[in-house]
Amino acid sequence: MLQLLWHDWVLLSSTIACTVALWLLSFRYKNDDLDVSELILLRLTFSYWLVYCFASVIQRFVMSMFQLTEWDTLEWDILGLSLKLTAVVSYLLTFACVLTLPFHHLIASRRQVQ
């Protein structure tokens, strides 16, 4: 039986928080181009993090199934590697979006001053 670790509980709560945040962002709409690009950055950040959470949880379940069954190991290895790659890419994209958001605020404040 698969036991949940503290990391799994953090991923579960993070998944719920991302889903709520995306739902709340769906009600926010402004006509200004800068606000629209900020909204897109926030949606991308939460979406990428949601993909990371799903990939990490599925990867954990697949690895536990791989240990319990004796199916063709090549297929499980390919699935495990693709899940790891998906988790890494979505983590890096989340990090890039989080870094881009303060730069966007800086550019927006400079445009308003001019």
PDB file of N, CA and C in Angstrom:
ATOM      1  N   MET A   1       0.837  -1.181   0.000  1.00  0.00           N
ATOM      2  CA  MET A   1       0.000   0.000   0.000  1.00  0.00           C
ATOM      3  C   MET A   1       0.881   1.244   0.000  1.00  0.00           C
ATOM      4  N   LEU A   2       0.451   2.234  -0.717  1.00  0.00           N
ATOM      5  CA  LEU A   2       1.202   3.468  -0.852  1.00  0.00           C
ATOM      6  C   LEU A   2       0.912   4.392   0.322  1.00  0.00           C
ATOM      7  N   GLN A   3       1.971   4.769   1.044  1.00  0.00           N
ATOM      8  CA  GLN A   3       1.807   5.682   2.165  1.00  0.00           C
ATOM      9  C   GLN A   3       2.124   7.096   1.710  1.00  0.00           C
ATOM     10  N   LEU A   4       1.326   8.036   2.169  1.00  0.00           N
ATOM     11  CA  LEU A   4       1.529   9.427   1.787  1.00  0.00           C
ATOM     12  C   LEU A   4       2.556  10.072   2.704  1.00  0.00           C
ATOM     13  N   LEU A   5       3.508  10.738   2.091  1.00  0.00           N
ATOM     14  CA  LEU A   5       4.523  11.466   2.830  1.00  0.00           C
ATOM     15  C   LEU A   5       4.108  12.924   2.950  1.00  0.00           C
ATOM     16  N   TRP A   6       4.895  13.709   3.683  1.00  0.00           N
ATOM     17  CA  TRP A   6       4.565  15.125   3.845  1.00  0.00           C
ATOM     18  C   TRP A   6       4.600  15.849   2.505  1.00  0.00           C
ATOM     19  N   HIS A   7       5.478  15.424   1.603  1.00  0.00           N
ATOM     20  CA  HIS A   7       5.563  16.050   0.280  1.00  0.00           C
ATOM     21  C   HIS A   7       4.278  15.822  -0.514  1.00  0.00           C
ATOM     22  N   ASP A   8       3.691  14.655  -0.350  1.00  0.00           N
ATOM     23  CA  ASP A   8       2.432  14.364  -1.035  1.00  0.00           C
ATOM     24  C   ASP A   8       1.301  15.239  -0.513  1.00  0.00           C
ATOM     25  N   TRP A   9       1.290  15.486   0.786  1.00  0.00           N
ATOM     26  CA  TRP A   9       0.264  16.366   1.365  1.00  0.00           C
ATOM     27  C   TRP A   9       0.460  17.802   0.901  1.00  0.00           C
ATOM     28  N   VAL A  10       1.709  18.227   0.783  1.00  0.00           N
ATOM     29  CA  VAL A  10       1.987  19.579   0.276  1.00  0.00           C
ATOM     30  C   VAL A  10       1.542  19.689  -1.179  1.00  0.00           C
ATOM     31  N   LEU A  11       1.809  18.661  -1.977  1.00  0.00           N
ATOM     32  CA  LEU A  11       1.366  18.669  -3.371  1.00  0.00           C
ATOM     33  C   LEU A  11      -0.155  18.673  -3.481  1.00  0.00           C
ATOM     34  N   LEU A  12      -0.821  17.940  -2.609  1.00  0.00           N
ATOM     35  CA  LEU A  12      -2.279  17.906  -2.624  1.00  0.00           C
ATOM     36  C   LEU A  12      -2.861  19.275  -2.284  1.00  0.00           C
ATOM     37  N   SER A  13      -2.344  19.895  -1.235  1.00  0.00           N
ATOM     38  CA  SER A  13      -2.846  21.221  -0.867  1.00  0.00           C
ATOM     39  C   SER A  13      -2.484  22.257  -1.920  1.00  0.00           C
ATOM     40  N   SER A  14      -1.327  22.114  -2.542  1.00  0.00           N
ATOM     41  CA  SER A  14      -0.922  23.021  -3.605  1.00  0.00           C
ATOM     42  C   SER A  14      -1.800  22.865  -4.844  1.00  0.00           C
ATOM     43  N   THR A  15      -2.195  21.643  -5.137  1.00  0.00           N
ATOM     44  CA  THR A  15      -3.099  21.394  -6.261  1.00  0.00           C
ATOM     45  C   THR A  15      -4.458  22.044  -6.028  1.00  0.00           C
ATOM     46  N   ILE A  16      -4.962  21.908  -4.824  1.00  0.00           N
ATOM     47  CA  ILE A  16      -6.239  22.540  -4.491  1.00  0.00           C
ATOM     48  C   ILE A  16      -6.117  24.058  -4.566  1.00  0.00           C
ATOM     49  N   ALA A  17      -5.021  24.608  -4.045  1.00  0.00           N
ATOM     50  CA  ALA A  17      -4.826  26.061  -4.077  1.00  0.00           C
ATOM     51  C   ALA A  17      -4.692  26.579  -5.511  1.00  0.00           C
ATOM     52  N   CYS A  18      -4.000  25.848  -6.365  1.00  0.00           N
ATOM     53  CA  CYS A  18      -3.860  26.258  -7.767  1.00  0.00           C
ATOM     54  C   CYS A  18      -5.192  26.224  -8.493  1.00  0.00           C
ATOM     55  N   THR A  19      -5.985  25.209  -8.215  1.00  0.00           N
ATOM     56  CA  THR A  19      -7.300  25.117  -8.848  1.00  0.00           C
ATOM     57  C   THR A  19      -8.188  26.278  -8.422  1.00  0.00           C
ATOM     58  N   VAL A  20      -8.158  26.615  -7.140  1.00  0.00           N
ATOM     59  CA  VAL A  20      -8.946  27.747  -6.649  1.00  0.00           C
ATOM     60  C   VAL A  20      -8.431  29.051  -7.246  1.00  0.00           C
ATOM     61  N   ALA A  21      -7.120  29.207  -7.330  1.00  0.00           N
ATOM     62  CA  ALA A  21      -6.546  30.432  -7.897  1.00  0.00           C
ATOM     63  C   ALA A  21      -6.914  30.595  -9.370  1.00  0.00           C
ATOM     64  N   LEU A  22      -6.857  29.521 -10.126  1.00  0.00           N
ATOM     65  CA  LEU A  22      -7.261  29.605 -11.534  1.00  0.00           C
ATOM     66  C   LEU A  22      -8.744  29.920 -11.677  1.00  0.00           C
ATOM     67  N   TRP A  23      -9.547  29.371 -10.786  1.00  0.00           N
ATOM     68  CA  TRP A  23     -10.972  29.671 -10.803  1.00  0.00           C
ATOM     69  C   TRP A  23     -11.218  31.142 -10.472  1.00  0.00           C
ATOM     70  N   LEU A  24     -10.497  31.682  -9.486  1.00  0.00           N
ATOM     71  CA  LEU A  24     -10.655  33.091  -9.127  1.00  0.00           C
ATOM     72  C   LEU A  24     -10.132  34.016 -10.222  1.00  0.00           C
ATOM     73  N   LEU A  25      -9.062  33.614 -10.888  1.00  0.00           N
ATOM     74  CA  LEU A  25      -8.524  34.440 -11.972  1.00  0.00           C
ATOM     75  C   LEU A  25      -9.435  34.451 -13.194  1.00  0.00           C
ATOM     76  N   SER A  26     -10.308  33.486 -13.304  1.00  0.00           N
ATOM     77  CA  SER A  26     -11.207  33.460 -14.455  1.00  0.00           C
ATOM     78  C   SER A  26     -12.259  34.572 -14.376  1.00  0.00           C
ATOM     79  N   PHE A  27     -12.488  35.113 -13.179  1.00  0.00           N
ATOM     80  CA  PHE A  27     -13.456  36.200 -13.019  1.00  0.00           C
ATOM     81  C   PHE A  27     -12.834  37.571 -13.215  1.00  0.00           C
ATOM     82  N   ARG A  28     -11.528  37.644 -13.265  1.00  0.00           N
ATOM     83  CA  ARG A  28     -10.839  38.931 -13.351  1.00  0.00           C
ATOM     84  C   ARG A  28     -10.538  39.244 -14.808  1.00  0.00           C
ATOM     85  N   TYR A  29     -11.020  40.384 -15.277  1.00  0.00           N
ATOM     86  CA  TYR A  29     -10.749  40.786 -16.643  1.00  0.00           C
ATOM     87  C   TYR A  29     -10.711  42.305 -16.716  1.00  0.00           C
ATOM     88  N   LYS A  30      -9.626  42.836 -17.269  1.00  0.00           N
ATOM     89  CA  LYS A  30      -9.497  44.282 -17.465  1.00  0.00           C
ATOM     90  C   LYS A  30      -9.075  44.528 -18.899  1.00  0.00           C
ATOM     91  N   ASN A  31      -9.345  45.704 -19.381  1.00  0.00           N
ATOM     92  CA  ASN A  31      -9.077  46.012 -20.783  1.00  0.00           C
ATOM     93  C   ASN A  31      -7.660  46.515 -21.033  1.00  0.00           C
ATOM     94  N   ASP A  32      -6.950  46.907 -20.003  1.00  0.00           N
ATOM     95  CA  ASP A  32      -5.602  47.427 -20.170  1.00  0.00           C
ATOM     96  C   ASP A  32      -4.657  46.301 -20.604  1.00  0.00           C
ATOM     97  N   ASP A  33      -3.777  46.607 -21.565  1.00  0.00           N
ATOM     98  CA  ASP A  33      -2.862  45.581 -22.080  1.00  0.00           C
ATOM     99  C   ASP A  33      -1.910  45.068 -21.004  1.00  0.00           C
ATOM    100  N   LEU A  34      -1.464  45.950 -20.117  1.00  0.00           N
ATOM    101  CA  LEU A  34      -0.537  45.526 -19.073  1.00  0.00           C
ATOM    102  C   LEU A  34      -1.228  44.602 -18.072  1.00  0.00           C
ATOM    103  N   ASP A  35      -2.477  44.889 -17.756  1.00  0.00           N
ATOM    104  CA  ASP A  35      -3.203  44.017 -16.838  1.00  0.00           C
ATOM    105  C   ASP A  35      -3.505  42.663 -17.475  1.00  0.00           C
ATOM    106  N   VAL A  36      -3.752  42.655 -18.760  1.00  0.00           N
ATOM    107  CA  VAL A  36      -4.020  41.395 -19.457  1.00  0.00           C
ATOM    108  C   VAL A  36      -2.762  40.527 -19.476  1.00  0.00           C
ATOM    109  N   SER A  37      -1.613  41.136 -19.727  1.00  0.00           N
ATOM    110  CA  SER A  37      -0.381  40.334 -19.736  1.00  0.00           C
ATOM    111  C   SER A  37      -0.032  39.844 -18.331  1.00  0.00           C
ATOM    112  N   GLU A  38      -0.335  40.640 -17.305  1.00  0.00           N
ATOM    113  CA  GLU A  38      -0.126  40.171 -15.936  1.00  0.00           C
ATOM    114  C   GLU A  38      -1.061  39.008 -15.612  1.00  0.00           C
ATOM    115  N   LEU A  39      -2.285  39.097 -16.064  1.00  0.00           N
ATOM    116  CA  LEU A  39      -3.246  38.020 -15.856  1.00  0.00           C
ATOM    117  C   LEU A  39      -2.796  36.738 -16.560  1.00  0.00           C
ATOM    118  N   ILE A  40      -2.269  36.881 -17.755  1.00  0.00           N
ATOM    119  CA  ILE A  40      -1.766  35.715 -18.490  1.00  0.00           C
ATOM    120  C   ILE A  40      -0.577  35.095 -17.767  1.00  0.00           C
ATOM    121  N   LEU A  41       0.325  35.932 -17.245  1.00  0.00           N
ATOM    122  CA  LEU A  41       1.475  35.407 -16.497  1.00  0.00           C
ATOM    123  C   LEU A  41       1.022  34.654 -15.245  1.00  0.00           C
ATOM    124  N   LEU A  42       0.052  35.189 -14.537  1.00  0.00           N
ATOM    125  CA  LEU A  42      -0.444  34.496 -13.346  1.00  0.00           C
ATOM    126  C   LEU A  42      -1.114  33.170 -13.711  1.00  0.00           C
ATOM    127  N   ARG A  43      -1.906  33.182 -14.774  1.00  0.00           N
ATOM    128  CA  ARG A  43      -2.551  31.935 -15.204  1.00  0.00           C
ATOM    129  C   ARG A  43      -1.524  30.891 -15.631  1.00  0.00           C
ATOM    130  N   LEU A  44      -0.501  31.334 -16.344  1.00  0.00           N
ATOM    131  CA  LEU A  44       0.557  30.400 -16.755  1.00  0.00           C
ATOM    132  C   LEU A  44       1.288  29.825 -15.550  1.00  0.00           C
ATOM    133  N   THR A  45       1.569  30.669 -14.567  1.00  0.00           N
ATOM    134  CA  THR A  45       2.270  30.200 -13.375  1.00  0.00           C
ATOM    135  C   THR A  45       1.464  29.124 -12.662  1.00  0.00           C
ATOM    136  N   PHE A  46       0.186  29.387 -12.426  1.00  0.00           N
ATOM    137  CA  PHE A  46      -0.633  28.398 -11.728  1.00  0.00           C
ATOM    138  C   PHE A  46      -0.863  27.147 -12.578  1.00  0.00           C
ATOM    139  N   SER A  47      -0.994  27.314 -13.874  1.00  0.00           N
ATOM    140  CA  SER A  47      -1.197  26.145 -14.745  1.00  0.00           C
ATOM    141  C   SER A  47       0.035  25.253 -14.787  1.00  0.00           C
ATOM    142  N   TYR A  48       1.206  25.863 -14.922  1.00  0.00           N
ATOM    143  CA  TYR A  48       2.439  25.065 -14.940  1.00  0.00           C
ATOM    144  C   TYR A  48       2.647  24.346 -13.609  1.00  0.00           C
ATOM    145  N   TRP A  49       2.327  25.024 -12.508  1.00  0.00           N
ATOM    146  CA  TRP A  49       2.497  24.383 -11.214  1.00  0.00           C
ATOM    147  C   TRP A  49       1.504  23.232 -11.041  1.00  0.00           C
ATOM    148  N   LEU A  50       0.314  23.386 -11.581  1.00  0.00           N
ATOM    149  CA  LEU A  50      -0.676  22.323 -11.534  1.00  0.00           C
ATOM    150  C   LEU A  50      -0.210  21.101 -12.329  1.00  0.00           C
ATOM    151  N   VAL A  51       0.404  21.346 -13.476  1.00  0.00           N
ATOM    152  CA  VAL A  51       0.971  20.241 -14.273  1.00  0.00           C
ATOM    153  C   VAL A  51       2.090  19.560 -13.501  1.00  0.00           C
ATOM    154  N   TYR A  52       2.923  20.343 -12.805  1.00  0.00           N
ATOM    155  CA  TYR A  52       3.994  19.759 -11.992  1.00  0.00           C
ATOM    156  C   TYR A  52       3.410  18.868 -10.893  1.00  0.00           C
ATOM    157  N   CYS A  53       2.378  19.349 -10.217  1.00  0.00           N
ATOM    158  CA  CYS A  53       1.764  18.554  -9.145  1.00  0.00           C
ATOM    159  C   CYS A  53       1.204  17.245  -9.674  1.00  0.00           C
ATOM    160  N   PHE A  54       0.473  17.310 -10.783  1.00  0.00           N
ATOM    161  CA  PHE A  54      -0.091  16.095 -11.368  1.00  0.00           C
ATOM    162  C   PHE A  54       1.001  15.127 -11.823  1.00  0.00           C
ATOM    163  N   ALA A  55       2.044  15.645 -12.459  1.00  0.00           N
ATOM    164  CA  ALA A  55       3.124  14.778 -12.935  1.00  0.00           C
ATOM    165  C   ALA A  55       3.854  14.113 -11.765  1.00  0.00           C
ATOM    166  N   SER A  56       4.053  14.843 -10.682  1.00  0.00           N
ATOM    167  CA  SER A  56       4.742  14.275  -9.523  1.00  0.00           C
ATOM    168  C   SER A  56       3.910  13.186  -8.856  1.00  0.00           C
ATOM    169  N   VAL A  57       2.611  13.427  -8.722  1.00  0.00           N
ATOM    170  CA  VAL A  57       1.753  12.433  -8.076  1.00  0.00           C
ATOM    171  C   VAL A  57       1.622  11.190  -8.950  1.00  0.00           C
ATOM    172  N   ILE A  58       1.410  11.373 -10.235  1.00  0.00           N
ATOM    173  CA  ILE A  58       1.287  10.229 -11.136  1.00  0.00           C
ATOM    174  C   ILE A  58       2.602   9.447 -11.185  1.00  0.00           C
ATOM    175  N   GLN A  59       3.709  10.164 -11.169  1.00  0.00           N
ATOM    176  CA  GLN A  59       5.010   9.506 -11.177  1.00  0.00           C
ATOM    177  C   GLN A  59       5.183   8.635  -9.930  1.00  0.00           C
ATOM    178  N   ARG A  60       4.749   9.125  -8.802  1.00  0.00           N
ATOM    179  CA  ARG A  60       4.859   8.343  -7.560  1.00  0.00           C
ATOM    180  C   ARG A  60       3.998   7.076  -7.641  1.00  0.00           C
ATOM    181  N   PHE A  61       2.796   7.186  -8.167  1.00  0.00           N
ATOM    182  CA  PHE A  61       1.932   6.014  -8.297  1.00  0.00           C
ATOM    183  C   PHE A  61       2.475   5.025  -9.325  1.00  0.00           C
ATOM    184  N   VAL A  62       3.025   5.534 -10.421  1.00  0.00           N
ATOM    185  CA  VAL A  62       3.574   4.640 -11.442  1.00  0.00           C
ATOM    186  C   VAL A  62       4.782   3.894 -10.893  1.00  0.00           C
ATOM    187  N   MET A  63       5.630   4.574 -10.149  1.00  0.00           N
ATOM    188  CA  MET A  63       6.801   3.901  -9.595  1.00  0.00           C
ATOM    189  C   MET A  63       6.415   2.862  -8.551  1.00  0.00           C
ATOM    190  N   SER A  64       5.345   3.119  -7.795  1.00  0.00           N
ATOM    191  CA  SER A  64       4.906   2.111  -6.830  1.00  0.00           C
ATOM    192  C   SER A  64       4.284   0.908  -7.546  1.00  0.00           C
ATOM    193  N   MET A  65       3.578   1.144  -8.653  1.00  0.00           N
ATOM    194  CA  MET A  65       3.020   0.036  -9.433  1.00  0.00           C
ATOM    195  C   MET A  65       4.126  -0.762 -10.100  1.00  0.00           C
ATOM    196  N   PHE A  66       5.192  -0.084 -10.527  1.00  0.00           N
ATOM    197  CA  PHE A  66       6.305  -0.757 -11.180  1.00  0.00           C
ATOM    198  C   PHE A  66       6.975  -1.730 -10.221  1.00  0.00           C
ATOM    199  N   GLN A  67       7.028  -1.387  -8.951  1.00  0.00           N
ATOM    200  CA  GLN A  67       7.644  -2.270  -7.969  1.00  0.00           C
ATOM    201  C   GLN A  67       6.756  -3.462  -7.641  1.00  0.00           C
ATOM    202  N   LEU A  68       5.434  -3.295  -7.781  1.00  0.00           N
ATOM    203  CA  LEU A  68       4.516  -4.364  -7.407  1.00  0.00           C
ATOM    204  C   LEU A  68       4.235  -5.343  -8.539  1.00  0.00           C
ATOM    205  N   THR A  69       4.336  -4.893  -9.774  1.00  0.00           N
ATOM    206  CA  THR A  69       4.014  -5.772 -10.897  1.00  0.00           C
ATOM    207  C   THR A  69       5.273  -6.147 -11.653  1.00  0.00           C
ATOM    208  N   GLU A  70       5.140  -7.142 -12.506  1.00  0.00           N
ATOM    209  CA  GLU A  70       6.280  -7.578 -13.297  1.00  0.00           C
ATOM    210  C   GLU A  70       5.968  -7.446 -14.781  1.00  0.00           C
ATOM    211  N   TRP A  71       5.490  -6.278 -15.174  1.00  0.00           N
ATOM    212  CA  TRP A  71       5.221  -6.026 -16.574  1.00  0.00           C
ATOM    213  C   TRP A  71       6.516  -5.716 -17.284  1.00  0.00           C
ATOM    214  N   ASP A  72       6.412  -5.460 -18.552  1.00  0.00           N
ATOM    215  CA  ASP A  72       7.582  -5.120 -19.337  1.00  0.00           C
ATOM    216  C   ASP A  72       8.227  -3.858 -18.768  1.00  0.00           C
ATOM    217  N   THR A  73       9.460  -3.977 -18.349  1.00  0.00           N
ATOM    218  CA  THR A  73      10.111  -2.863 -17.662  1.00  0.00           C
ATOM    219  C   THR A  73      10.414  -1.702 -18.600  1.00  0.00           C
ATOM    220  N   LEU A  74      10.593  -1.977 -19.880  1.00  0.00           N
ATOM    221  CA  LEU A  74      10.904  -0.902 -20.816  1.00  0.00           C
ATOM    222  C   LEU A  74       9.752   0.088 -20.930  1.00  0.00           C
ATOM    223  N   GLU A  75       8.537  -0.408 -20.982  1.00  0.00           N
ATOM    224  CA  GLU A  75       7.377   0.478 -21.075  1.00  0.00           C
ATOM    225  C   GLU A  75       7.224   1.327 -19.813  1.00  0.00           C
ATOM    226  N   TRP A  76       7.440   0.729 -18.647  1.00  0.00           N
ATOM    227  CA  TRP A  76       7.330   1.488 -17.403  1.00  0.00           C
ATOM    228  C   TRP A  76       8.461   2.492 -17.279  1.00  0.00           C
ATOM    229  N   ASP A  77       9.644   2.129 -17.760  1.00  0.00           N
ATOM    230  CA  ASP A  77      10.762   3.069 -17.716  1.00  0.00           C
ATOM    231  C   ASP A  77      10.508   4.275 -18.611  1.00  0.00           C
ATOM    232  N   ILE A  78       9.961   4.039 -19.782  1.00  0.00           N
ATOM    233  CA  ILE A  78       9.648   5.149 -20.689  1.00  0.00           C
ATOM    234  C   ILE A  78       8.581   6.047 -20.073  1.00  0.00           C
ATOM    235  N   LEU A  79       7.556   5.458 -19.476  1.00  0.00           N
ATOM    236  CA  LEU A  79       6.516   6.237 -18.829  1.00  0.00           C
ATOM    237  C   LEU A  79       7.080   7.023 -17.642  1.00  0.00           C
ATOM    238  N   GLY A  80       7.910   6.390 -16.846  1.00  0.00           N
ATOM    239  CA  GLY A  80       8.525   7.073 -15.706  1.00  0.00           C
ATOM    240  C   GLY A  80       9.423   8.224 -16.133  1.00  0.00           C
ATOM    241  N   LEU A  81      10.210   8.000 -17.180  1.00  0.00           N
ATOM    242  CA  LEU A  81      11.086   9.069 -17.663  1.00  0.00           C
ATOM    243  C   LEU A  81      10.298  10.225 -18.269  1.00  0.00           C
ATOM    244  N   SER A  82       9.226   9.918 -18.979  1.00  0.00           N
ATOM    245  CA  SER A  82       8.423  11.002 -19.547  1.00  0.00           C
ATOM    246  C   SER A  82       7.727  11.802 -18.447  1.00  0.00           C
ATOM    247  N   LEU A  83       7.304  11.142 -17.379  1.00  0.00           N
ATOM    248  CA  LEU A  83       6.715  11.869 -16.253  1.00  0.00           C
ATOM    249  C   LEU A  83       7.750  12.732 -15.538  1.00  0.00           C
ATOM    250  N   LYS A  84       8.962  12.202 -15.392  1.00  0.00           N
ATOM    251  CA  LYS A  84      10.023  13.006 -14.777  1.00  0.00           C
ATOM    252  C   LYS A  84      10.361  14.215 -15.634  1.00  0.00           C
ATOM    253  N   LEU A  85      10.437  14.003 -16.931  1.00  0.00           N
ATOM    254  CA  LEU A  85      10.738  15.109 -17.838  1.00  0.00           C
ATOM    255  C   LEU A  85       9.624  16.155 -17.816  1.00  0.00           C
ATOM    256  N   THR A  86       8.378  15.708 -17.772  1.00  0.00           N
ATOM    257  CA  THR A  86       7.252  16.633 -17.683  1.00  0.00           C
ATOM    258  C   THR A  86       7.307  17.435 -16.390  1.00  0.00           C
ATOM    259  N   ALA A  87       7.632  16.785 -15.289  1.00  0.00           N
ATOM    260  CA  ALA A  87       7.725  17.482 -14.007  1.00  0.00           C
ATOM    261  C   ALA A  87       8.855  18.507 -14.015  1.00  0.00           C
ATOM    262  N   VAL A  88       9.990  18.148 -14.576  1.00  0.00           N
ATOM    263  CA  VAL A  88      11.129  19.072 -14.605  1.00  0.00           C
ATOM    264  C   VAL A  88      10.832  20.279 -15.493  1.00  0.00           C
ATOM    265  N   VAL A  89      10.285  20.041 -16.669  1.00  0.00           N
ATOM    266  CA  VAL A  89       9.992  21.145 -17.591  1.00  0.00           C
ATOM    267  C   VAL A  89       8.932  22.072 -17.008  1.00  0.00           C
ATOM    268  N   SER A  90       7.884  21.515 -16.418  1.00  0.00           N
ATOM    269  CA  SER A  90       6.845  22.371 -15.840  1.00  0.00           C
ATOM    270  C   SER A  90       7.371  23.125 -14.617  1.00  0.00           C
ATOM    271  N   TYR A  91       8.264  22.523 -13.850  1.00  0.00           N
ATOM    272  CA  TYR A  91       8.878  23.221 -12.709  1.00  0.00           C
ATOM    273  C   TYR A  91       9.717  24.402 -13.201  1.00  0.00           C
ATOM    274  N   LEU A  92      10.503  24.190 -14.244  1.00  0.00           N
ATOM    275  CA  LEU A  92      11.324  25.274 -14.784  1.00  0.00           C
ATOM    276  C   LEU A  92      10.469  26.373 -15.417  1.00  0.00           C
ATOM    277  N   LEU A  93       9.390  26.007 -16.082  1.00  0.00           N
ATOM    278  CA  LEU A  93       8.497  27.015 -16.646  1.00  0.00           C
ATOM    279  C   LEU A  93       7.794  27.809 -15.547  1.00  0.00           C
ATOM    280  N   THR A  94       7.427  27.149 -14.453  1.00  0.00           N
ATOM    281  CA  THR A  94       6.846  27.864 -13.316  1.00  0.00           C
ATOM    282  C   THR A  94       7.844  28.855 -12.747  1.00  0.00           C
ATOM    283  N   PHE A  95       9.077  28.427 -12.587  1.00  0.00           N
ATOM    284  CA  PHE A  95      10.130  29.295 -12.072  1.00  0.00           C
ATOM    285  C   PHE A  95      10.353  30.488 -12.999  1.00  0.00           C
ATOM    286  N   ALA A  96      10.325  30.255 -14.300  1.00  0.00           N
ATOM    287  CA  ALA A  96      10.505  31.352 -15.258  1.00  0.00           C
ATOM    288  C   ALA A  96       9.356  32.348 -15.184  1.00  0.00           C
ATOM    289  N   CYS A  97       8.140  31.860 -15.038  1.00  0.00           N
ATOM    290  CA  CYS A  97       6.990  32.771 -14.923  1.00  0.00           C
ATOM    291  C   CYS A  97       7.041  33.569 -13.625  1.00  0.00           C
ATOM    292  N   VAL A  98       7.472  32.933 -12.550  1.00  0.00           N
ATOM    293  CA  VAL A  98       7.573  33.638 -11.271  1.00  0.00           C
ATOM    294  C   VAL A  98       8.655  34.717 -11.354  1.00  0.00           C
ATOM    295  N   LEU A  99       9.739  34.443 -12.060  1.00  0.00           N
ATOM    296  CA  LEU A  99      10.778  35.466 -12.232  1.00  0.00           C
ATOM    297  C   LEU A  99      10.343  36.583 -13.168  1.00  0.00           C
ATOM    298  N   THR A 100       9.512  36.289 -14.126  1.00  0.00           N
ATOM    299  CA  THR A 100       9.085  37.275 -15.103  1.00  0.00           C
ATOM    300  C   THR A 100       8.082  38.265 -14.520  1.00  0.00           C
ATOM    301  N   LEU A 101       7.293  37.837 -13.554  1.00  0.00           N
ATOM    302  CA  LEU A 101       6.245  38.698 -13.000  1.00  0.00           C
ATOM    303  C   LEU A 101       6.792  39.975 -12.354  1.00  0.00           C
ATOM    304  N   PRO A 102       7.838  39.948 -11.516  1.00  0.00           N
ATOM    305  CA  PRO A 102       8.365  41.218 -10.984  1.00  0.00           C
ATOM    306  C   PRO A 102       8.957  42.122 -12.067  1.00  0.00           C
ATOM    307  N   PHE A 103       9.578  41.537 -13.075  1.00  0.00           N
ATOM    308  CA  PHE A 103      10.106  42.352 -14.180  1.00  0.00           C
ATOM    309  C   PHE A 103       8.962  43.020 -14.941  1.00  0.00           C
ATOM    310  N   HIS A 104       7.863  42.316 -15.061  1.00  0.00           N
ATOM    311  CA  HIS A 104       6.698  42.901 -15.716  1.00  0.00           C
ATOM    312  C   HIS A 104       6.163  44.086 -14.901  1.00  0.00           C
ATOM    313  N   HIS A 105       6.124  43.952 -13.578  1.00  0.00           N
ATOM    314  CA  HIS A 105       5.681  45.054 -12.726  1.00  0.00           C
ATOM    315  C   HIS A 105       6.624  46.253 -12.842  1.00  0.00           C
ATOM    316  N   LEU A 106       7.907  45.984 -12.933  1.00  0.00           N
ATOM    317  CA  LEU A 106       8.890  47.062 -13.071  1.00  0.00           C
ATOM    318  C   LEU A 106       8.688  47.810 -14.385  1.00  0.00           C
ATOM    319  N   ILE A 107       8.501  47.097 -15.455  1.00  0.00           N
ATOM    320  CA  ILE A 107       8.274  47.733 -16.765  1.00  0.00           C
ATOM    321  C   ILE A 107       6.949  48.487 -16.770  1.00  0.00           C
ATOM    322  N   ALA A 108       5.925  47.923 -16.141  1.00  0.00           N
ATOM    323  CA  ALA A 108       4.620  48.593 -16.104  1.00  0.00           C
ATOM    324  C   ALA A 108       4.695  49.890 -15.307  1.00  0.00           C
ATOM    325  N   SER A 109       5.428  49.889 -14.214  1.00  0.00           N
ATOM    326  CA  SER A 109       5.551  51.127 -13.422  1.00  0.00           C
ATOM    327  C   SER A 109       6.358  52.182 -14.175  1.00  0.00           C
ATOM    328  N   ARG A 110       7.353  51.775 -14.935  1.00  0.00           N
ATOM    329  CA  ARG A 110       8.130  52.739 -15.730  1.00  0.00           C
ATOM    330  C   ARG A 110       7.287  53.324 -16.864  1.00  0.00           C
ATOM    331  N   ARG A 111       6.426  52.521 -17.458  1.00  0.00           N
ATOM    332  CA  ARG A 111       5.553  53.025 -18.532  1.00  0.00           C
ATOM    333  C   ARG A 111       4.524  54.018 -17.989  1.00  0.00           C
ATOM    334  N   GLN A 112       4.045  53.796 -16.766  1.00  0.00           N
ATOM    335  CA  GLN A 112       3.077  54.708 -16.182  1.00  0.00           C
ATOM    336  C   GLN A 112       3.714  56.042 -15.813  1.00  0.00           C
ATOM    337  N   VAL A 113       4.993  56.037 -15.436  1.00  0.00           N
ATOM    338  CA  VAL A 113       5.698  57.278 -15.103  1.00  0.00           C
ATOM    339  C   VAL A 113       5.900  58.099 -16.359  1.00  0.00           C
ATOM    340  N   GLN A 114       6.201  57.461 -17.459  1.00  0.00           N
ATOM    341  CA  GLN A 114       6.438  58.188 -18.708  1.00  0.00           C
ATOM    342  C   GLN A 114       5.134  58.622 -19.252  1.00  0.00           C
TER     343      GLN A 114
END
